[in-house]
Amino acid sequence: MKDKILMLTFCLSLFSCKTYTINPENFKQQFENIEYDQSTSAITGPIHYNGFQIKTLKVKDKEGNTQILENKPSLEMRVTLNNGKRKHFYFDSIKFINDTLIGHKSRFLPKMITKIPYNEISKIEIQDGGKNFKYKN
């Protein structure tokens, strides 16, 4: 019985998060001229870190409507590569420099940096992972 409840909870958590998409060209346009300020986004909760203060992102919802997402520590980004593999990042950890996407996939292991050349990206998805992290005011 416990296993069934756990599996149901897991399945509901997968489907309860809204997922937004952004095509790679639009992503590149939005991130080309951002100045990355790493000094202002410490998180409260079990961990503290300095992330990149990216304010908003224009994305598409599942109906194709444009939405403006405000940055928050629970936003996660999933990048699908041309070969079908996927890479995950925390949204406030990413940078786009010299046609390369750079980001962290873990808050607990900040030295685990992943770099992806822009021409290898086929799809970008953003979703709120629902983690209870908040920016420190």
N, C-alpha and C. Protein backbone atom coordinates (compact mmCIF):
# COMPACT_ATOMS: atom_id res chain seq x y z
N MET A 1 0.82 -1.19 0.00
CA MET A 1 0.00 0.00 0.00
C MET A 1 0.88 1.27 0.00
N LYS A 2 1.92 1.22 0.81
CA LYS A 2 2.83 2.35 0.89
C LYS A 2 3.47 2.65 -0.46
N ASP A 3 3.83 1.60 -1.17
CA ASP A 3 4.44 1.76 -2.50
C ASP A 3 3.48 2.40 -3.48
N LYS A 4 2.21 2.04 -3.42
CA LYS A 4 1.20 2.62 -4.32
C LYS A 4 1.02 4.10 -4.05
N ILE A 5 0.99 4.48 -2.79
CA ILE A 5 0.84 5.90 -2.43
C ILE A 5 2.06 6.69 -2.89
N LEU A 6 3.23 6.12 -2.69
CA LEU A 6 4.46 6.77 -3.11
C LEU A 6 4.49 6.94 -4.63
N MET A 7 4.11 5.91 -5.36
CA MET A 7 4.08 5.98 -6.82
C MET A 7 3.05 7.00 -7.31
N LEU A 8 1.88 7.05 -6.69
CA LEU A 8 0.84 8.01 -7.05
C LEU A 8 1.33 9.44 -6.80
N THR A 9 1.96 9.66 -5.67
CA THR A 9 2.51 10.99 -5.34
C THR A 9 3.55 11.40 -6.36
N PHE A 10 4.42 10.47 -6.73
CA PHE A 10 5.46 10.75 -7.72
C PHE A 10 4.83 11.12 -9.07
N CYS A 11 3.85 10.34 -9.50
CA CYS A 11 3.18 10.60 -10.80
C CYS A 11 2.48 11.96 -10.79
N LEU A 12 1.79 12.27 -9.71
CA LEU A 12 1.11 13.57 -9.62
C LEU A 12 2.11 14.72 -9.66
N SER A 13 3.26 14.54 -9.03
CA SER A 13 4.26 15.61 -9.04
C SER A 13 4.80 15.83 -10.44
N LEU A 14 4.86 14.79 -11.24
CA LEU A 14 5.34 14.94 -12.61
C LEU A 14 4.35 15.74 -13.47
N PHE A 15 3.08 15.52 -13.25
CA PHE A 15 2.07 16.14 -14.10
C PHE A 15 1.54 17.45 -13.55
N SER A 16 1.85 17.80 -12.32
CA SER A 16 1.31 19.02 -11.74
C SER A 16 2.16 20.25 -12.06
N CYS A 17 3.37 20.08 -12.55
CA CYS A 17 4.23 21.20 -12.87
C CYS A 17 3.95 21.69 -14.29
N LYS A 18 3.79 22.98 -14.44
CA LYS A 18 3.63 23.53 -15.78
C LYS A 18 4.98 23.56 -16.46
N THR A 19 5.00 23.11 -17.69
CA THR A 19 6.22 23.13 -18.47
C THR A 19 6.05 24.11 -19.61
N TYR A 20 7.05 24.95 -19.79
CA TYR A 20 7.06 25.95 -20.85
C TYR A 20 8.21 25.63 -21.79
N THR A 21 8.08 26.06 -23.03
CA THR A 21 9.16 25.84 -23.99
C THR A 21 9.66 27.17 -24.53
N ILE A 22 10.87 27.13 -25.01
CA ILE A 22 11.46 28.28 -25.68
C ILE A 22 12.36 27.71 -26.77
N ASN A 23 12.20 28.20 -28.00
CA ASN A 23 13.05 27.65 -29.05
C ASN A 23 14.47 28.21 -28.88
N PRO A 24 15.46 27.47 -29.31
CA PRO A 24 16.85 27.87 -29.08
C PRO A 24 17.19 29.26 -29.65
N GLU A 25 16.64 29.62 -30.79
CA GLU A 25 16.94 30.94 -31.37
C GLU A 25 16.41 32.06 -30.49
N ASN A 26 15.19 31.90 -29.99
CA ASN A 26 14.59 32.90 -29.11
C ASN A 26 15.38 32.98 -27.80
N PHE A 27 15.79 31.84 -27.29
CA PHE A 27 16.60 31.81 -26.08
C PHE A 27 17.90 32.59 -26.29
N LYS A 28 18.55 32.33 -27.40
CA LYS A 28 19.81 33.00 -27.72
C LYS A 28 19.62 34.52 -27.78
N GLN A 29 18.53 34.97 -28.41
CA GLN A 29 18.26 36.41 -28.51
C GLN A 29 18.05 37.03 -27.13
N GLN A 30 17.36 36.33 -26.25
CA GLN A 30 17.09 36.88 -24.92
C GLN A 30 18.33 36.90 -24.04
N PHE A 31 19.28 36.03 -24.30
CA PHE A 31 20.43 35.90 -23.41
C PHE A 31 21.72 36.49 -23.96
N GLU A 32 21.73 36.93 -25.20
CA GLU A 32 22.98 37.42 -25.79
C GLU A 32 23.57 38.63 -25.08
N ASN A 33 22.75 39.54 -24.61
CA ASN A 33 23.28 40.80 -24.06
C ASN A 33 23.02 40.96 -22.57
N ILE A 34 22.87 39.87 -21.86
CA ILE A 34 22.64 39.95 -20.42
C ILE A 34 23.97 40.15 -19.71
N GLU A 35 23.95 41.05 -18.74
CA GLU A 35 25.11 41.20 -17.86
C GLU A 35 24.84 40.32 -16.65
N TYR A 36 25.77 39.45 -16.34
CA TYR A 36 25.56 38.48 -15.27
C TYR A 36 26.08 39.04 -13.96
N ASP A 37 25.15 39.30 -13.05
CA ASP A 37 25.48 39.79 -11.72
C ASP A 37 25.30 38.63 -10.75
N GLN A 38 26.37 38.17 -10.19
CA GLN A 38 26.31 37.00 -9.32
C GLN A 38 26.29 37.37 -7.84
N SER A 39 26.08 38.61 -7.52
CA SER A 39 26.24 39.02 -6.13
C SER A 39 24.94 39.14 -5.35
N THR A 40 23.79 39.00 -5.97
CA THR A 40 22.56 39.39 -5.28
C THR A 40 21.53 38.30 -5.08
N SER A 41 21.82 37.05 -5.35
CA SER A 41 20.73 36.08 -5.31
C SER A 41 20.98 34.90 -4.36
N ALA A 42 21.38 35.20 -3.14
CA ALA A 42 21.56 34.12 -2.17
C ALA A 42 20.21 33.50 -1.85
N ILE A 43 20.20 32.22 -1.58
CA ILE A 43 18.96 31.49 -1.27
C ILE A 43 18.91 31.18 0.21
N THR A 44 17.72 31.28 0.77
CA THR A 44 17.54 30.84 2.14
C THR A 44 17.08 29.39 2.12
N GLY A 45 17.14 28.75 3.23
CA GLY A 45 16.78 27.34 3.28
C GLY A 45 18.01 26.53 3.64
N PRO A 46 18.08 25.31 3.16
CA PRO A 46 19.19 24.45 3.56
C PRO A 46 20.52 24.83 2.92
N ILE A 47 20.50 25.63 1.89
CA ILE A 47 21.74 25.99 1.21
C ILE A 47 21.75 27.46 0.85
N HIS A 48 22.95 27.97 0.66
CA HIS A 48 23.13 29.34 0.22
C HIS A 48 24.10 29.32 -0.96
N TYR A 49 23.80 30.10 -1.96
CA TYR A 49 24.69 30.16 -3.11
C TYR A 49 24.44 31.48 -3.83
N ASN A 50 25.35 31.85 -4.68
CA ASN A 50 25.18 33.02 -5.51
C ASN A 50 24.85 32.55 -6.92
N GLY A 51 23.71 32.98 -7.41
CA GLY A 51 23.28 32.62 -8.75
C GLY A 51 23.30 33.86 -9.62
N PHE A 52 22.95 33.71 -10.86
CA PHE A 52 22.93 34.83 -11.79
C PHE A 52 21.57 35.48 -11.75
N GLN A 53 21.56 36.78 -11.61
CA GLN A 53 20.33 37.53 -11.44
C GLN A 53 19.70 37.84 -12.80
N ILE A 54 19.05 36.86 -13.38
CA ILE A 54 18.31 37.02 -14.62
C ILE A 54 16.87 37.25 -14.20
N LYS A 55 16.29 38.36 -14.58
CA LYS A 55 14.97 38.75 -14.06
C LYS A 55 13.81 37.97 -14.66
N THR A 56 13.70 37.92 -15.99
CA THR A 56 12.55 37.30 -16.63
C THR A 56 12.96 36.56 -17.90
N LEU A 57 12.04 35.74 -18.38
CA LEU A 57 12.25 34.98 -19.60
C LEU A 57 10.92 34.86 -20.33
N LYS A 58 10.92 35.12 -21.63
CA LYS A 58 9.72 34.92 -22.45
C LYS A 58 9.70 33.48 -22.93
N VAL A 59 8.60 32.79 -22.65
CA VAL A 59 8.45 31.39 -23.00
C VAL A 59 7.07 31.17 -23.63
N LYS A 60 6.82 29.96 -24.11
CA LYS A 60 5.51 29.57 -24.65
C LYS A 60 4.91 28.50 -23.75
N ASP A 61 3.60 28.63 -23.48
CA ASP A 61 2.92 27.56 -22.74
C ASP A 61 2.49 26.48 -23.72
N LYS A 62 1.79 25.45 -23.22
CA LYS A 62 1.46 24.32 -24.10
C LYS A 62 0.46 24.68 -25.20
N GLU A 63 -0.26 25.80 -25.04
CA GLU A 63 -1.18 26.26 -26.08
C GLU A 63 -0.48 27.18 -27.09
N GLY A 64 0.80 27.49 -26.85
CA GLY A 64 1.55 28.35 -27.75
C GLY A 64 1.45 29.83 -27.42
N ASN A 65 0.86 30.17 -26.27
CA ASN A 65 0.76 31.56 -25.84
C ASN A 65 2.05 32.00 -25.17
N THR A 66 2.46 33.23 -25.44
CA THR A 66 3.67 33.77 -24.82
C THR A 66 3.40 34.10 -23.36
N GLN A 67 4.30 33.68 -22.50
CA GLN A 67 4.23 33.96 -21.07
C GLN A 67 5.55 34.58 -20.64
N ILE A 68 5.51 35.40 -19.62
CA ILE A 68 6.72 35.96 -19.01
C ILE A 68 6.91 35.26 -17.67
N LEU A 69 8.01 34.53 -17.54
CA LEU A 69 8.32 33.87 -16.28
C LEU A 69 9.30 34.72 -15.50
N GLU A 70 8.98 34.94 -14.24
CA GLU A 70 9.93 35.63 -13.36
C GLU A 70 10.88 34.59 -12.79
N ASN A 71 12.13 34.97 -12.68
CA ASN A 71 13.13 34.07 -12.15
C ASN A 71 12.84 33.79 -10.68
N LYS A 72 13.02 32.54 -10.30
CA LYS A 72 12.95 32.14 -8.90
C LYS A 72 13.79 30.89 -8.74
N PRO A 73 14.25 30.61 -7.55
CA PRO A 73 15.20 29.52 -7.36
C PRO A 73 14.65 28.13 -7.70
N SER A 74 13.35 27.98 -7.80
CA SER A 74 12.79 26.66 -8.11
C SER A 74 12.65 26.40 -9.60
N LEU A 75 12.97 27.39 -10.46
CA LEU A 75 12.88 27.16 -11.90
C LEU A 75 14.00 26.25 -12.37
N GLU A 76 13.61 25.24 -13.12
CA GLU A 76 14.56 24.29 -13.67
C GLU A 76 14.48 24.33 -15.19
N MET A 77 15.57 24.00 -15.82
CA MET A 77 15.66 24.05 -17.28
C MET A 77 16.13 22.71 -17.80
N ARG A 78 15.42 22.20 -18.80
CA ARG A 78 15.79 20.93 -19.43
C ARG A 78 16.13 21.23 -20.89
N VAL A 79 17.33 20.84 -21.29
CA VAL A 79 17.81 21.08 -22.65
C VAL A 79 17.92 19.73 -23.35
N THR A 80 17.24 19.62 -24.50
CA THR A 80 17.33 18.42 -25.32
C THR A 80 18.34 18.68 -26.42
N LEU A 81 19.28 17.77 -26.56
CA LEU A 81 20.32 17.90 -27.57
C LEU A 81 19.88 17.26 -28.88
N ASN A 82 20.59 17.57 -29.94
CA ASN A 82 20.28 17.00 -31.26
C ASN A 82 20.33 15.48 -31.26
N ASN A 83 21.14 14.88 -30.38
CA ASN A 83 21.25 13.42 -30.33
C ASN A 83 20.20 12.78 -29.42
N GLY A 84 19.26 13.60 -28.88
CA GLY A 84 18.19 13.09 -28.04
C GLY A 84 18.48 13.08 -26.56
N LYS A 85 19.72 13.27 -26.16
CA LYS A 85 20.07 13.31 -24.73
C LYS A 85 19.55 14.59 -24.12
N ARG A 86 19.33 14.55 -22.81
CA ARG A 86 18.83 15.72 -22.08
C ARG A 86 19.80 16.12 -20.98
N LYS A 87 19.88 17.41 -20.77
CA LYS A 87 20.69 17.98 -19.69
C LYS A 87 19.78 18.86 -18.85
N HIS A 88 19.98 18.85 -17.53
CA HIS A 88 19.16 19.63 -16.61
C HIS A 88 20.01 20.68 -15.90
N PHE A 89 19.39 21.85 -15.67
CA PHE A 89 20.06 22.94 -14.98
C PHE A 89 19.07 23.65 -14.07
N TYR A 90 19.59 24.35 -13.09
CA TYR A 90 18.78 25.34 -12.39
C TYR A 90 18.85 26.61 -13.21
N PHE A 91 17.70 27.21 -13.48
CA PHE A 91 17.63 28.34 -14.40
C PHE A 91 18.54 29.49 -13.98
N ASP A 92 18.59 29.80 -12.69
CA ASP A 92 19.39 30.94 -12.26
C ASP A 92 20.89 30.65 -12.22
N SER A 93 21.28 29.46 -12.68
CA SER A 93 22.71 29.15 -12.74
C SER A 93 23.26 29.24 -14.16
N ILE A 94 22.39 29.50 -15.14
CA ILE A 94 22.87 29.43 -16.52
C ILE A 94 23.43 30.75 -17.02
N LYS A 95 24.38 30.61 -17.95
CA LYS A 95 24.94 31.74 -18.69
C LYS A 95 24.99 31.31 -20.14
N PHE A 96 24.94 32.29 -21.02
CA PHE A 96 25.09 32.01 -22.45
C PHE A 96 26.21 32.91 -22.94
N ILE A 97 27.38 32.31 -23.15
CA ILE A 97 28.57 33.08 -23.51
C ILE A 97 29.24 32.43 -24.72
N ASN A 98 29.55 33.24 -25.71
CA ASN A 98 30.25 32.77 -26.91
C ASN A 98 29.60 31.53 -27.54
N ASP A 99 28.29 31.60 -27.71
CA ASP A 99 27.52 30.50 -28.31
C ASP A 99 27.62 29.19 -27.52
N THR A 100 27.80 29.30 -26.21
CA THR A 100 27.85 28.13 -25.35
C THR A 100 26.95 28.37 -24.13
N LEU A 101 26.10 27.39 -23.85
CA LEU A 101 25.27 27.42 -22.66
C LEU A 101 26.05 26.78 -21.53
N ILE A 102 26.17 27.48 -20.41
CA ILE A 102 26.93 27.01 -19.26
C ILE A 102 26.00 27.03 -18.07
N GLY A 103 25.96 25.95 -17.29
CA GLY A 103 25.08 25.93 -16.14
C GLY A 103 25.43 24.85 -15.14
N HIS A 104 24.77 24.95 -13.98
CA HIS A 104 24.96 23.99 -12.88
C HIS A 104 23.74 23.08 -12.81
N LYS A 105 23.99 21.80 -12.63
CA LYS A 105 22.86 20.89 -12.49
C LYS A 105 22.60 20.52 -11.03
N SER A 106 23.42 21.04 -10.13
CA SER A 106 23.24 20.74 -8.72
C SER A 106 23.56 21.97 -7.88
N ARG A 107 22.74 22.22 -6.88
CA ARG A 107 23.04 23.29 -5.93
C ARG A 107 24.03 22.80 -4.87
N PHE A 108 24.05 21.50 -4.65
CA PHE A 108 24.89 20.92 -3.61
C PHE A 108 26.32 20.68 -4.09
N LEU A 109 26.50 20.56 -5.40
CA LEU A 109 27.83 20.36 -5.98
C LEU A 109 28.07 21.45 -7.01
N PRO A 110 28.33 22.68 -6.55
CA PRO A 110 28.40 23.82 -7.48
C PRO A 110 29.53 23.75 -8.49
N LYS A 111 30.48 22.88 -8.28
CA LYS A 111 31.57 22.78 -9.24
C LYS A 111 31.23 21.87 -10.43
N MET A 112 30.05 21.25 -10.39
CA MET A 112 29.60 20.41 -11.49
C MET A 112 28.99 21.29 -12.58
N ILE A 113 29.82 21.77 -13.45
CA ILE A 113 29.39 22.68 -14.51
C ILE A 113 29.26 21.91 -15.81
N THR A 114 28.19 22.17 -16.53
CA THR A 114 27.98 21.56 -17.83
C THR A 114 28.01 22.64 -18.89
N LYS A 115 28.69 22.36 -20.00
CA LYS A 115 28.77 23.31 -21.12
C LYS A 115 28.20 22.63 -22.35
N ILE A 116 27.32 23.36 -23.05
CA ILE A 116 26.69 22.82 -24.26
C ILE A 116 26.84 23.84 -25.38
N PRO A 117 27.45 23.46 -26.50
CA PRO A 117 27.50 24.37 -27.65
C PRO A 117 26.08 24.64 -28.17
N TYR A 118 25.82 25.88 -28.53
CA TYR A 118 24.50 26.28 -28.99
C TYR A 118 23.99 25.42 -30.14
N ASN A 119 24.84 25.06 -31.08
CA ASN A 119 24.40 24.31 -32.26
C ASN A 119 24.01 22.87 -31.93
N GLU A 120 24.22 22.40 -30.70
CA GLU A 120 23.80 21.06 -30.29
C GLU A 120 22.43 21.06 -29.62
N ILE A 121 21.83 22.24 -29.40
CA ILE A 121 20.56 22.36 -28.69
C ILE A 121 19.40 22.26 -29.68
N SER A 122 18.46 21.34 -29.40
CA SER A 122 17.29 21.24 -30.26
C SER A 122 16.02 21.74 -29.58
N LYS A 123 15.97 21.69 -28.24
CA LYS A 123 14.76 22.09 -27.52
C LYS A 123 15.12 22.54 -26.12
N ILE A 124 14.40 23.55 -25.63
CA ILE A 124 14.60 24.03 -24.26
C ILE A 124 13.25 24.08 -23.56
N GLU A 125 13.18 23.49 -22.37
CA GLU A 125 11.96 23.51 -21.57
C GLU A 125 12.28 24.09 -20.20
N ILE A 126 11.33 24.85 -19.68
CA ILE A 126 11.47 25.46 -18.35
C ILE A 126 10.29 25.01 -17.52
N GLN A 127 10.54 24.65 -16.26
CA GLN A 127 9.42 24.33 -15.38
C GLN A 127 9.77 24.70 -13.95
N ASP A 128 8.73 24.96 -13.18
CA ASP A 128 8.91 25.25 -11.77
C ASP A 128 8.92 23.92 -11.03
N GLY A 129 10.06 23.57 -10.49
CA GLY A 129 10.20 22.29 -9.80
C GLY A 129 9.49 22.24 -8.46
N GLY A 130 8.98 23.37 -7.97
CA GLY A 130 8.21 23.39 -6.74
C GLY A 130 9.03 23.28 -5.48
N LYS A 131 10.33 23.35 -5.58
CA LYS A 131 11.16 23.29 -4.37
C LYS A 131 10.94 24.56 -3.55
N ASN A 132 11.01 24.41 -2.26
CA ASN A 132 10.69 25.53 -1.37
C ASN A 132 11.93 26.37 -1.08
N PHE A 133 12.56 26.89 -2.13
CA PHE A 133 13.68 27.81 -1.98
C PHE A 133 13.18 29.20 -2.30
N LYS A 134 13.73 30.18 -1.61
CA LYS A 134 13.35 31.56 -1.87
C LYS A 134 14.61 32.42 -1.89
N TYR A 135 14.56 33.50 -2.67
CA TYR A 135 15.67 34.43 -2.66
C TYR A 135 15.65 35.23 -1.37
N LYS A 136 16.83 35.50 -0.88
CA LYS A 136 16.98 36.29 0.33
C LYS A 136 16.76 37.75 -0.04
N ASN A 137 15.95 38.43 0.70
CA ASN A 137 15.67 39.87 0.40
C ASN A 137 16.75 40.76 0.92
